[in-house]
Amino acid sequence: MAASALGISALGVAATSRAQAPVAPPAAAGPAVEGKPYSQPIPGTQIQFDMVPIPGGEFTMGSPTTEKKRKADEGPQFQVTVEPFYMGKYEVTWGEYGEFLRNYDRLANAKEKAAPIPDNKMADAVTYPTPLYEIEAGPILERMGRSEKHPAVIMSTFAAKQYTKWLSKKTGRFYRLPTEAEWEYAARAGTKTAYFFGDDPKKNAAGGKLADFAWYFDNSNLKDGDPGYHEVGKKKPNPWGLYDIYGNVAEMVIDQHDENWYKQFEGKKVGWKDAINWPTKQYPRNARGGGYESDDDALRSAARQKITAAQNTKDPQLPKSPYYYTEGFGIGFRLVSPVKEPPEAEKSKWWDVDDPDTKRIIEKDRAERQQHELFPPPGDAGK
């Protein structure tokens, strides 16, 4: 669905506005549970988004064999310790992601082209996605909505990671995708049942039900009678203040999908980093939470969604664009910002290309159709 497989001619540091110094919220002091929610403005725009604190702790990852409609890849269960972090109150919206997408045209149409970024500096640059193929994707997105409050969708995991890199460079605070363990821990919010409100999606002892918290197959029809995503925050949040953590759109995580990944941890307690399945190939990837077309069992806290090459079949280009899942109209993402920021050398692992196929496409087309931007080093943005 990309207008071109990759769009790029590189733009250097001169293209970054030095007048807009990074703006970041105060650093969290102590565990996130002692912190407060914050709103993060995106410098140079009128957009801001909300983050909520997630306390550190320990939980049982996966589902028990007795859980109704559970899948084999959700087990065996194991214990995971999680450090405190902040998580997006809502899924990333078109209002936020659209600011990132606009950078491609901004650089491509610039009257003055800066010198190409040297190869040894490319790891520090942000790669901007090529424009959407509006002829096909546009009508579908317009039907569901592309307002500032609708969730952004159909980007690839690589594009989502580049968004978190761009956002980090713009704001001065480290953002990334959640891990599978972090996502499930936050979704459960201290509970052990299939859903954070109980085991039955239709009812529970407190009188709540899945439809009170989520848009999914049973209730997601729009005014035209067909299913679709909805504006974020229209349903009730989970106990830790996360809206749409179930349903609306499935949320990408950093991990590679492997149906046997949990087996190595059976009977063990591991740290959240040790539980990460760092990707080494383009597919399959992982998403969590289910979406507007999902059945109720796909919205369980332990349910895992496999993203395969079948999510990118409509792209007629060869090689296919690494920036979009052309069938991923029900796939988006949510942000994480850890309380303890990692060293600079570690951040690139969360942001940059992690599989040889995507890397080969990007390197092949770098000089022809791509748009990159190199940001000032940390501490230099306001100079």
Protein backbone atom coordinates (compact mmCIF):
# COMPACT_ATOMS: atom_id res chain seq x y z
CA MET A 1 0.00 0.00 0.00
CA ALA A 2 2.99 2.30 -0.08
CA ALA A 3 3.19 4.66 -3.01
CA SER A 4 6.74 3.38 -3.48
CA ALA A 5 8.58 0.55 -1.84
CA LEU A 6 10.70 3.04 0.06
CA GLY A 7 10.98 6.73 -0.30
CA ILE A 8 14.37 8.33 0.29
CA SER A 9 16.99 10.97 -0.37
CA ALA A 10 18.72 11.78 2.86
CA LEU A 11 18.46 15.06 4.69
CA GLY A 12 21.06 16.02 7.25
CA VAL A 13 21.15 17.79 10.58
CA ALA A 14 20.47 21.16 8.97
CA ALA A 15 16.91 20.05 8.25
CA THR A 16 16.12 19.69 11.94
CA SER A 17 14.74 22.83 13.55
CA ARG A 18 17.15 23.99 16.23
CA ALA A 19 14.59 26.49 17.47
CA GLN A 20 12.47 23.67 18.84
CA ALA A 21 14.41 22.24 21.74
CA PRO A 22 13.25 18.81 22.97
CA VAL A 23 10.55 18.98 25.59
CA ALA A 24 10.33 16.18 28.13
CA PRO A 25 8.35 15.63 31.31
CA PRO A 26 10.26 15.52 34.59
CA ALA A 27 12.18 12.29 35.08
CA ALA A 28 10.36 9.81 37.28
CA ALA A 29 11.68 9.61 40.83
CA GLY A 30 11.55 6.14 42.32
CA PRO A 31 9.15 3.39 41.24
CA ALA A 32 6.52 4.31 38.67
CA VAL A 33 3.81 3.39 41.15
CA GLU A 34 4.92 6.46 43.11
CA GLY A 35 4.96 8.58 39.98
CA LYS A 36 2.13 10.40 38.34
CA PRO A 37 0.54 10.26 34.90
CA TYR A 38 1.97 12.85 32.54
CA SER A 39 1.12 14.45 29.21
CA GLN A 40 3.86 14.51 26.57
CA PRO A 41 3.75 17.31 23.97
CA ILE A 42 5.32 16.65 20.58
CA PRO A 43 7.53 19.70 19.90
CA GLY A 44 6.62 21.71 16.84
CA THR A 45 3.01 20.44 16.84
CA GLN A 46 -0.23 20.99 18.71
CA ILE A 47 -0.36 17.29 19.63
CA GLN A 48 0.24 15.70 23.01
CA PHE A 49 -0.47 12.26 24.44
CA ASP A 50 -0.95 10.79 27.90
CA MET A 51 1.16 8.22 29.75
CA VAL A 52 0.20 6.37 32.94
CA PRO A 53 2.51 4.71 35.50
CA ILE A 54 2.65 0.91 35.65
CA PRO A 55 4.09 -0.41 38.93
CA GLY A 56 6.87 -2.96 38.96
CA GLY A 57 6.06 -6.44 40.22
CA GLU A 58 5.77 -10.11 39.38
CA PHE A 59 3.09 -12.04 37.50
CA THR A 60 2.28 -15.38 35.93
CA MET A 61 2.59 -15.10 32.15
CA GLY A 62 0.42 -17.20 29.87
CA SER A 63 -2.83 -19.04 30.50
CA PRO A 64 -3.59 -22.14 32.57
CA THR A 65 -4.69 -25.28 30.73
CA THR A 66 -8.12 -24.87 32.34
CA GLU A 67 -8.80 -21.47 30.75
CA LYS A 68 -11.62 -21.64 28.21
CA LYS A 69 -10.63 -21.21 24.56
CA ARG A 70 -6.93 -20.88 25.40
CA LYS A 71 -4.38 -21.71 22.71
CA ALA A 72 -1.33 -23.94 22.99
CA ASP A 73 1.09 -21.04 22.37
CA GLU A 74 -0.08 -19.43 25.64
CA GLY A 75 1.76 -21.98 27.74
CA PRO A 76 3.29 -23.35 29.75
CA GLN A 77 2.90 -20.59 32.30
CA PHE A 78 5.94 -19.07 34.00
CA GLN A 79 6.78 -16.25 36.41
CA VAL A 80 8.09 -12.90 35.19
CA THR A 81 9.41 -9.96 37.20
CA VAL A 82 8.73 -6.57 35.63
CA GLU A 83 10.38 -3.22 36.29
CA PRO A 84 8.18 -0.11 36.55
CA PHE A 85 7.40 1.76 33.36
CA TYR A 86 4.98 4.21 31.82
CA MET A 87 2.50 3.10 29.17
CA GLY A 88 0.33 5.00 26.74
CA LYS A 89 -3.10 5.69 28.21
CA TYR A 90 -4.49 5.14 24.72
CA GLU A 91 -3.37 3.49 21.52
CA VAL A 92 -1.27 5.75 19.28
CA THR A 93 -3.68 7.85 17.22
CA TRP A 94 -3.66 9.26 13.72
CA GLY A 95 -3.17 12.67 15.28
CA GLU A 96 0.17 11.52 16.70
CA TYR A 97 1.31 9.18 13.94
CA GLY A 98 0.26 11.59 11.20
CA GLU A 99 2.89 14.08 12.37
CA PHE A 100 5.50 11.40 11.78
CA LEU A 101 4.16 10.47 8.32
CA ARG A 102 4.20 14.09 7.14
CA ASN A 103 7.99 14.20 7.43
CA TYR A 104 8.44 12.21 4.22
CA ASP A 105 6.79 14.84 2.04
CA ARG A 106 8.43 17.63 4.02
CA LEU A 107 11.88 16.32 3.17
CA ALA A 108 11.03 15.17 -0.35
CA ASN A 109 9.65 18.59 -1.27
CA ALA A 110 12.31 20.68 0.45
CA LYS A 111 13.74 23.34 -1.84
CA GLU A 112 17.22 22.95 -0.42
CA LYS A 113 18.52 19.43 -0.18
CA ALA A 114 21.10 18.76 2.50
CA ALA A 115 24.10 16.54 1.91
CA PRO A 116 23.44 12.79 2.12
CA ILE A 117 23.90 11.23 5.54
CA PRO A 118 27.17 9.24 5.70
CA ASP A 119 26.84 5.48 6.01
CA ASN A 120 28.48 5.54 9.42
CA LYS A 121 25.75 7.90 10.67
CA MET A 122 22.73 6.08 9.26
CA ALA A 123 22.19 4.15 12.50
CA ASP A 124 21.51 7.50 14.20
CA ALA A 125 19.00 8.66 11.58
CA VAL A 126 15.23 8.21 11.53
CA THR A 127 13.73 6.57 8.43
CA TYR A 128 10.35 7.98 7.40
CA PRO A 129 7.68 5.76 5.79
CA THR A 130 6.69 6.39 2.20
CA PRO A 131 3.17 7.78 1.74
CA LEU A 132 0.15 5.51 1.92
CA TYR A 133 -1.35 4.26 -1.33
CA GLU A 134 -4.47 6.35 -0.86
CA ILE A 135 -6.37 4.90 -3.84
CA GLU A 136 -6.81 1.61 -2.00
CA ALA A 137 -6.19 2.30 1.68
CA GLY A 138 -7.77 5.74 1.79
CA PRO A 139 -11.45 4.78 1.43
CA ILE A 140 -11.16 2.06 4.07
CA LEU A 141 -9.50 4.40 6.55
CA GLU A 142 -11.89 7.25 5.83
CA ARG A 143 -14.86 4.96 6.46
CA MET A 144 -13.58 4.13 9.94
CA GLY A 145 -12.07 7.53 10.67
CA ARG A 146 -8.70 9.27 10.57
CA SER A 147 -9.28 11.97 13.15
CA GLU A 148 -6.82 12.89 15.89
CA LYS A 149 -8.68 10.49 18.20
CA HIS A 150 -8.83 7.40 15.99
CA PRO A 151 -6.12 4.73 16.39
CA ALA A 152 -3.41 4.69 13.73
CA VAL A 153 -3.19 1.39 11.83
CA ILE A 154 -1.61 -0.59 8.96
CA MET A 155 1.97 0.44 9.73
CA SER A 156 4.52 -2.38 10.02
CA THR A 157 6.37 -3.20 13.20
CA PHE A 158 9.47 -1.60 11.66
CA ALA A 159 7.57 1.62 10.94
CA ALA A 160 6.19 1.65 14.49
CA LYS A 161 9.71 1.24 15.86
CA GLN A 162 10.94 4.14 13.72
CA TYR A 163 8.06 6.23 15.06
CA THR A 164 9.25 5.57 18.61
CA LYS A 165 12.77 6.56 17.57
CA TRP A 166 11.55 9.80 15.99
CA LEU A 167 9.39 10.54 19.03
CA SER A 168 12.33 9.94 21.36
CA LYS A 169 14.56 12.27 19.34
CA LYS A 170 11.87 14.95 19.23
CA THR A 171 10.93 14.87 22.92
CA GLY A 172 14.17 13.94 24.64
CA ARG A 173 12.49 11.05 26.47
CA PHE A 174 12.98 7.40 25.50
CA TYR A 175 9.95 5.70 23.93
CA ARG A 176 9.60 2.21 22.46
CA LEU A 177 7.20 -0.64 21.83
CA PRO A 178 6.22 -2.79 24.81
CA THR A 179 7.50 -6.33 25.19
CA GLU A 180 5.03 -9.19 25.28
CA ALA A 181 5.61 -9.60 29.00
CA GLU A 182 5.10 -5.90 29.72
CA TRP A 183 1.92 -5.79 27.64
CA GLU A 184 0.34 -8.81 29.36
CA TYR A 185 1.41 -7.58 32.79
CA ALA A 186 -0.18 -4.17 32.16
CA ALA A 187 -3.33 -5.68 30.67
CA ARG A 188 -3.82 -8.01 33.64
CA ALA A 189 -3.31 -5.13 36.10
CA GLY A 190 -2.67 -7.51 38.99
CA THR A 191 -5.39 -10.03 38.06
CA LYS A 192 -5.09 -13.73 37.25
CA THR A 193 -8.37 -14.30 35.42
CA ALA A 194 -8.85 -14.59 31.66
CA TYR A 195 -9.85 -10.93 31.54
CA PHE A 196 -8.98 -8.31 34.13
CA PHE A 197 -12.66 -8.25 35.13
CA GLY A 198 -13.16 -12.03 35.40
CA ASP A 199 -13.32 -15.24 33.37
CA ASP A 200 -16.67 -14.78 31.63
CA PRO A 201 -16.70 -12.20 28.80
CA LYS A 202 -20.45 -11.78 29.12
CA LYS A 203 -20.68 -11.10 32.85
CA ASN A 204 -18.85 -11.10 36.17
CA ALA A 205 -19.58 -10.73 39.85
CA ALA A 206 -19.24 -6.94 39.69
CA GLY A 207 -21.77 -6.75 36.86
CA GLY A 208 -19.28 -5.74 34.18
CA LYS A 209 -18.67 -7.45 30.85
CA LEU A 210 -16.26 -7.32 27.93
CA ALA A 211 -18.45 -4.91 25.94
CA ASP A 212 -18.03 -2.35 28.74
CA PHE A 213 -14.28 -2.26 28.09
CA ALA A 214 -13.71 -3.20 24.46
CA TRP A 215 -14.75 -2.86 20.83
CA TYR A 216 -14.75 -6.31 19.24
CA PHE A 217 -16.78 -8.46 16.83
CA ASP A 218 -19.98 -8.31 18.87
CA ASN A 219 -20.23 -4.52 19.16
CA SER A 220 -17.88 -2.75 16.74
CA ASN A 221 -20.24 -2.04 13.82
CA LEU A 222 -20.15 1.54 12.63
CA LYS A 223 -23.09 3.56 11.30
CA ASP A 224 -22.87 1.80 7.93
CA GLY A 225 -23.41 -1.56 9.61
CA ASP A 226 -19.90 -2.89 9.03
CA PRO A 227 -17.27 -3.37 11.76
CA GLY A 228 -14.52 -0.84 12.34
CA TYR A 229 -12.28 0.72 14.94
CA HIS A 230 -13.59 3.56 17.10
CA GLU A 231 -12.15 6.69 18.70
CA VAL A 232 -9.89 5.80 21.62
CA GLY A 233 -11.07 6.15 25.19
CA LYS A 234 -14.79 5.59 24.62
CA LYS A 235 -14.92 2.46 26.79
CA LYS A 236 -14.00 1.94 30.43
CA PRO A 237 -10.27 1.55 31.29
CA ASN A 238 -8.65 -1.39 33.02
CA PRO A 239 -7.71 -1.04 36.74
CA TRP A 240 -4.41 0.65 35.86
CA GLY A 241 -6.02 3.30 33.69
CA LEU A 242 -5.36 1.83 30.23
CA TYR A 243 -8.12 2.36 27.68
CA ASP A 244 -8.81 -0.07 24.81
CA ILE A 245 -6.18 -2.50 26.07
CA TYR A 246 -8.66 -5.11 24.83
CA GLY A 247 -10.06 -4.76 21.33
CA ASN A 248 -10.40 -1.77 18.99
CA VAL A 249 -7.04 -2.55 17.34
CA ALA A 250 -4.51 -5.24 18.18
CA GLU A 251 -1.28 -3.79 19.56
CA MET A 252 2.13 -4.71 18.24
CA VAL A 253 4.87 -5.71 20.66
CA ILE A 254 8.61 -5.97 20.14
CA ASP A 255 8.80 -9.78 20.21
CA GLN A 256 9.06 -12.29 17.38
CA HIS A 257 6.20 -14.78 17.49
CA ASP A 258 7.19 -18.34 18.37
CA GLU A 259 4.49 -20.74 19.48
CA ASN A 260 7.03 -22.72 21.50
CA TRP A 261 8.81 -19.78 23.12
CA TYR A 262 7.30 -20.28 26.58
CA LYS A 263 8.44 -23.89 26.89
CA GLN A 264 12.02 -22.95 27.82
CA PHE A 265 10.74 -21.04 30.86
CA GLU A 266 8.50 -23.73 32.35
CA GLY A 267 8.85 -23.83 36.14
CA LYS A 268 11.17 -20.81 36.16
CA LYS A 269 11.10 -17.18 37.24
CA VAL A 270 12.73 -14.83 34.75
CA GLY A 271 13.23 -11.10 34.35
CA TRP A 272 11.19 -9.28 31.73
CA LYS A 273 14.22 -8.80 29.48
CA ASP A 274 15.03 -12.51 29.56
CA ALA A 275 11.51 -13.25 28.35
CA ILE A 276 11.94 -11.18 25.16
CA ASN A 277 12.11 -13.09 21.89
CA TRP A 278 14.22 -10.59 19.95
CA PRO A 279 13.29 -10.76 16.26
CA THR A 280 15.71 -12.10 13.67
CA LYS A 281 13.33 -12.35 10.68
CA GLN A 282 10.59 -10.23 9.17
CA TYR A 283 7.78 -12.65 10.00
CA PRO A 284 6.00 -13.77 12.11
CA ARG A 285 5.59 -10.88 14.54
CA ASN A 286 3.42 -10.50 17.62
CA ALA A 287 0.39 -8.41 18.52
CA ARG A 288 -1.79 -8.47 21.63
CA GLY A 289 -5.28 -7.54 22.74
CA GLY A 290 -7.34 -8.40 19.68
CA GLY A 291 -9.18 -5.92 17.49
CA TYR A 292 -12.58 -4.80 16.27
CA GLU A 293 -13.08 -7.95 14.17
CA SER A 294 -11.87 -10.36 16.87
CA ASP A 295 -13.98 -12.84 18.81
CA ASP A 296 -14.01 -12.48 22.59
CA ASP A 297 -11.43 -15.23 23.19
CA ALA A 298 -8.81 -13.26 21.22
CA LEU A 299 -9.14 -10.42 23.74
CA ARG A 300 -8.07 -12.49 26.77
CA SER A 301 -5.00 -11.15 28.57
CA ALA A 302 -2.88 -14.17 27.56
CA ALA A 303 -4.05 -14.38 23.93
CA ARG A 304 -1.37 -13.91 21.28
CA GLN A 305 -1.87 -12.78 17.67
CA LYS A 306 0.55 -13.83 14.97
CA ILE A 307 1.36 -11.28 12.26
CA THR A 308 2.48 -13.07 9.08
CA ALA A 309 3.33 -12.14 5.49
CA ALA A 310 -0.38 -12.61 4.74
CA GLN A 311 -0.87 -9.18 6.34
CA ASN A 312 1.03 -7.61 3.43
CA THR A 313 -0.27 -9.27 0.25
CA LYS A 314 -1.91 -6.30 -1.51
CA ASP A 315 1.32 -4.41 -2.01
CA PRO A 316 2.05 -4.98 -5.76
CA GLN A 317 5.68 -3.97 -5.46
CA LEU A 318 8.63 -6.30 -5.37
CA PRO A 319 10.17 -6.15 -2.92
CA LYS A 320 7.16 -5.27 -0.78
CA SER A 321 7.30 -2.15 1.34
CA PRO A 322 8.70 -2.73 4.84
CA TYR A 323 6.58 0.16 6.19
CA TYR A 324 3.06 -1.25 5.92
CA TYR A 325 0.86 -4.23 6.69
CA THR A 326 -1.54 -3.65 3.80
CA GLU A 327 -4.23 -5.84 5.39
CA GLY A 328 -3.50 -4.59 8.90
CA PHE A 329 -6.47 -2.26 9.34
CA GLY A 330 -6.99 -3.78 12.77
CA ILE A 331 -3.35 -3.54 13.89
CA GLY A 332 -1.82 -0.55 15.71
CA PHE A 333 0.39 -0.03 18.76
CA ARG A 334 0.81 1.56 22.18
CA LEU A 335 3.86 3.29 23.66
CA VAL A 336 6.09 2.42 26.60
CA SER A 337 8.63 4.62 28.37
CA PRO A 338 10.67 2.84 31.07
CA VAL A 339 11.30 4.54 34.40
CA LYS A 340 14.96 3.51 34.09
CA GLU A 341 16.20 4.73 30.74
CA PRO A 342 18.71 2.42 29.02
CA PRO A 343 22.13 3.62 27.82
CA GLU A 344 22.30 5.15 24.34
CA ALA A 345 23.99 2.07 22.89
CA GLU A 346 21.02 -0.11 23.86
CA LYS A 347 18.29 2.12 22.45
CA SER A 348 18.98 1.23 18.82
CA LYS A 349 17.98 -2.38 19.49
CA TRP A 350 14.48 -1.15 20.29
CA TRP A 351 14.27 1.22 17.32
CA ASP A 352 16.08 -0.03 14.25
CA VAL A 353 15.78 -2.74 11.63
CA ASP A 354 16.16 -6.20 13.14
CA ASP A 355 15.80 -8.61 10.22
CA PRO A 356 17.95 -9.17 7.11
CA ASP A 357 15.08 -8.89 4.59
CA THR A 358 14.03 -5.41 5.69
CA LYS A 359 17.65 -4.34 6.00
CA ARG A 360 18.37 -5.49 2.44
CA ILE A 361 15.40 -3.56 1.03
CA ILE A 362 16.35 -0.39 2.86
CA GLU A 363 20.00 -0.54 1.86
CA LYS A 364 19.12 -1.25 -1.78
CA ASP A 365 16.74 1.68 -2.15
CA ARG A 366 18.40 4.13 0.23
CA ALA A 367 19.67 6.50 -2.42
CA GLU A 368 16.57 6.36 -4.64
CA ARG A 369 13.33 6.61 -2.69
CA GLN A 370 14.06 6.97 1.00
CA GLN A 371 13.86 9.95 3.32
CA HIS A 372 16.01 9.98 6.44
CA GLU A 373 16.67 12.67 9.04
CA LEU A 374 19.59 12.97 11.40
CA PHE A 375 18.80 14.62 14.73
CA PRO A 376 21.26 16.40 17.01
CA PRO A 377 22.92 14.26 19.70
CA PRO A 378 21.33 14.29 23.18
CA GLY A 379 22.05 17.59 24.90
CA ASP A 380 22.75 19.44 21.65
CA ALA A 381 19.18 20.01 20.46
CA GLY A 382 18.82 23.41 22.04
CA LYS A 383 22.18 24.78 20.92
